[in-house]
C-alpha atoms as a PDB file:
ATOM      1  CA  MET A   1       1.073 -26.514  53.380  1.00  0.00           C
ATOM      2  CA  ILE A   2       4.261 -27.652  51.987  1.00  0.00           C
ATOM      3  CA  THR A   3       7.550 -28.006  54.392  1.00  0.00           C
ATOM      4  CA  LYS A   4      10.877 -26.708  54.658  1.00  0.00           C
ATOM      5  CA  SER A   5      11.990 -30.129  53.793  1.00  0.00           C
ATOM      6  CA  GLU A   6       9.917 -30.969  51.133  1.00  0.00           C
ATOM      7  CA  VAL A   7      10.795 -27.635  48.928  1.00  0.00           C
ATOM      8  CA  GLU A   8      14.093 -28.613  50.134  1.00  0.00           C
ATOM      9  CA  LYS A   9      13.891 -32.439  48.297  1.00  0.00           C
ATOM     10  CA  LEU A  10      12.152 -30.700  45.191  1.00  0.00           C
ATOM     11  CA  LEU A  11      15.094 -28.097  44.951  1.00  0.00           C
ATOM     12  CA  ASN A  12      17.991 -30.847  45.377  1.00  0.00           C
ATOM     13  CA  SER A  13      16.030 -33.431  43.224  1.00  0.00           C
ATOM     14  CA  HIS A  14      17.583 -31.553  40.361  1.00  0.00           C
ATOM     15  CA  GLU A  15      21.325 -32.365  38.793  1.00  0.00           C
ATOM     16  CA  ASN A  16      24.562 -30.840  39.970  1.00  0.00           C
ATOM     17  CA  VAL A  17      22.764 -27.870  42.759  1.00  0.00           C
ATOM     18  CA  VAL A  18      24.595 -26.518  45.007  1.00  0.00           C
ATOM     19  CA  LYS A  19      22.945 -24.710  48.170  1.00  0.00           C
ATOM     20  CA  GLU A  20      24.798 -21.533  49.160  1.00  0.00           C
ATOM     21  CA  HIS A  21      24.447 -18.438  51.995  1.00  0.00           C
ATOM     22  CA  PRO A  22      25.516 -15.568  50.316  1.00  0.00           C
ATOM     23  CA  PHE A  23      22.972 -13.362  51.933  1.00  0.00           C
ATOM     24  CA  GLY A  24      23.537 -15.100  55.449  1.00  0.00           C
ATOM     25  CA  ASP A  25      21.593 -17.654  57.628  1.00  0.00           C
ATOM     26  CA  GLU A  26      18.406 -16.373  56.924  1.00  0.00           C
ATOM     27  CA  THR A  27      18.853 -17.072  52.818  1.00  0.00           C
ATOM     28  CA  SER A  28      19.832 -20.164  51.212  1.00  0.00           C
ATOM     29  CA  VAL A  29      20.370 -19.757  47.885  1.00  0.00           C
ATOM     30  CA  TYR A  30      20.057 -22.775  45.266  1.00  0.00           C
ATOM     31  CA  LYS A  31      22.676 -23.050  42.220  1.00  0.00           C
ATOM     32  CA  VAL A  32      23.328 -24.745  39.308  1.00  0.00           C
ATOM     33  CA  ASP A  33      26.411 -24.081  37.124  1.00  0.00           C
ATOM     34  CA  ASP A  34      26.671 -21.276  39.501  1.00  0.00           C
ATOM     35  CA  LYS A  35      23.637 -19.415  38.065  1.00  0.00           C
ATOM     36  CA  MET A  36      20.806 -18.516  40.929  1.00  0.00           C
ATOM     37  CA  PHE A  37      17.246 -20.424  40.474  1.00  0.00           C
ATOM     38  CA  ALA A  38      16.229 -20.433  43.648  1.00  0.00           C
ATOM     39  CA  LEU A  39      16.405 -18.825  46.868  1.00  0.00           C
ATOM     40  CA  MET A  40      14.434 -19.709  50.072  1.00  0.00           C
ATOM     41  CA  THR A  41      13.690 -17.804  53.329  1.00  0.00           C
ATOM     42  CA  ASN A  42      15.038 -20.207  56.547  1.00  0.00           C
ATOM     43  CA  ASP A  43      13.433 -17.624  59.185  1.00  0.00           C
ATOM     44  CA  LYS A  44       9.769 -17.162  57.761  1.00  0.00           C
ATOM     45  CA  ASN A  45       6.680 -18.938  57.945  1.00  0.00           C
ATOM     46  CA  PRO A  46       5.094 -19.376  55.468  1.00  0.00           C
ATOM     47  CA  ILE A  47       8.255 -19.879  53.471  1.00  0.00           C
ATOM     48  CA  ARG A  48       9.130 -17.969  50.914  1.00  0.00           C
ATOM     49  CA  LEU A  49      10.404 -19.418  47.604  1.00  0.00           C
ATOM     50  CA  SER A  50      11.639 -16.571  44.700  1.00  0.00           C
ATOM     51  CA  LEU A  51      12.422 -18.567  41.202  1.00  0.00           C
ATOM     52  CA  ARG A  52      12.973 -16.946  37.913  1.00  0.00           C
ATOM     53  CA  CYS A  53      10.178 -17.397  35.178  1.00  0.00           C
ATOM     54  CA  ASP A  54       9.782 -16.479  31.688  1.00  0.00           C
ATOM     55  CA  PRO A  55       8.126 -12.951  32.026  1.00  0.00           C
ATOM     56  CA  LYS A  56       5.157 -13.978  29.998  1.00  0.00           C
ATOM     57  CA  LEU A  57       4.017 -16.668  32.735  1.00  0.00           C
ATOM     58  CA  SER A  58       4.542 -14.319  35.663  1.00  0.00           C
ATOM     59  CA  SER A  59       1.979 -12.055  34.740  1.00  0.00           C
ATOM     60  CA  VAL A  60       0.105 -15.117  34.402  1.00  0.00           C
ATOM     61  CA  LEU A  61       0.938 -16.646  37.464  1.00  0.00           C
ATOM     62  CA  ARG A  62       0.477 -12.986  39.708  1.00  0.00           C
ATOM     63  CA  GLU A  63      -2.945 -12.667  38.227  1.00  0.00           C
ATOM     64  CA  LYS A  64      -3.965 -15.738  39.186  1.00  0.00           C
ATOM     65  CA  TYR A  65      -2.476 -16.764  42.393  1.00  0.00           C
ATOM     66  CA  VAL A  66      -2.784 -14.503  45.338  1.00  0.00           C
ATOM     67  CA  GLU A  67       0.866 -15.650  46.615  1.00  0.00           C
ATOM     68  CA  VAL A  68       2.816 -15.245  43.620  1.00  0.00           C
ATOM     69  CA  MET A  69       4.561 -11.754  43.190  1.00  0.00           C
ATOM     70  CA  PRO A  70       7.145  -9.825  41.457  1.00  0.00           C
ATOM     71  CA  GLY A  71      10.545 -11.156  42.557  1.00  0.00           C
ATOM     72  CA  TYR A  72      11.631  -9.687  46.293  1.00  0.00           C
ATOM     73  CA  HIS A  73      15.277  -7.480  45.453  1.00  0.00           C
ATOM     74  CA  LEU A  74      15.495  -9.733  42.524  1.00  0.00           C
ATOM     75  CA  ASN A  75      14.719  -8.699  38.808  1.00  0.00           C
ATOM     76  CA  LYS A  76      10.625  -7.719  38.543  1.00  0.00           C
ATOM     77  CA  LYS A  77      10.277  -9.158  35.054  1.00  0.00           C
ATOM     78  CA  GLN A  78      12.308 -12.408  35.035  1.00  0.00           C
ATOM     79  CA  TRP A  79      11.878 -13.593  39.359  1.00  0.00           C
ATOM     80  CA  ASN A  80       8.505 -14.546  41.387  1.00  0.00           C
ATOM     81  CA  THR A  81       8.287 -14.663  44.956  1.00  0.00           C
ATOM     82  CA  ILE A  82       5.971 -17.101  45.850  1.00  0.00           C
ATOM     83  CA  VAL A  83       4.439 -17.272  49.760  1.00  0.00           C
ATOM     84  CA  LEU A  84       3.916 -20.826  50.206  1.00  0.00           C
ATOM     85  CA  SER A  85       0.353 -20.624  52.151  1.00  0.00           C
ATOM     86  CA  GLY A  86      -1.034 -23.594  50.749  1.00  0.00           C
ATOM     87  CA  GLN A  87      -2.687 -22.047  47.324  1.00  0.00           C
ATOM     88  CA  LEU A  88      -0.176 -23.382  45.313  1.00  0.00           C
ATOM     89  CA  LYS A  89      -0.314 -27.222  44.976  1.00  0.00           C
ATOM     90  CA  ILE A  90       2.996 -29.241  45.514  1.00  0.00           C
ATOM     91  CA  ASP A  91       2.906 -30.155  41.936  1.00  0.00           C
ATOM     92  CA  GLU A  92       2.841 -26.706  40.512  1.00  0.00           C
ATOM     93  CA  ILE A  93       5.450 -25.870  43.178  1.00  0.00           C
ATOM     94  CA  ARG A  94       7.367 -28.633  41.370  1.00  0.00           C
ATOM     95  CA  GLY A  95       6.507 -27.482  37.914  1.00  0.00           C
ATOM     96  CA  LEU A  96       7.679 -24.088  39.037  1.00  0.00           C
ATOM     97  CA  ILE A  97      11.070 -25.038  40.381  1.00  0.00           C
ATOM     98  CA  THR A  98      11.846 -27.003  37.401  1.00  0.00           C
ATOM     99  CA  HIS A  99      11.313 -24.704  34.934  1.00  0.00           C
ATOM    100  CA  SER A 100      13.448 -22.044  37.030  1.00  0.00           C
ATOM    101  CA  TYR A 101      16.260 -24.869  37.168  1.00  0.00           C
ATOM    102  CA  ASP A 102      15.665 -25.461  33.275  1.00  0.00           C
ATOM    103  CA  LEU A 103      15.827 -21.244  32.657  1.00  0.00           C
ATOM    104  CA  ALA A 104      19.283 -21.063  34.634  1.00  0.00           C
ATOM    105  CA  VAL A 105      21.104 -23.722  32.363  1.00  0.00           C
ATOM    106  CA  LYS A 106      19.406 -22.694  29.212  1.00  0.00           C
ATOM    107  CA  GLU A 107      21.690 -19.262  30.660  1.00  0.00           C
ATOM    108  CA  ASN A 108      24.958 -21.260  29.885  1.00  0.00           C
END
């Protein structure tokens, strides 16, 4: 199972990432150019990571993985919440983080 510090390292590996806590200490929000691309719980185990996602890819991921669900308190078509319980491997998580980051960058 991936650790919180490993997820943070993946999130911060991209350029111009800013971490904020606009919803309180229990949720870290990661932004690029003032656009959210990830939200991570700080008070749950396993970690819950919410990421932007292409709507077509979202449906594929939700069908394939039990731990991928519609974004919690987010746009259900464009965000997924992933319970990092070990079903997704670190390379898959890295790819989804990059995909989310790229979608946020393209929005500008």
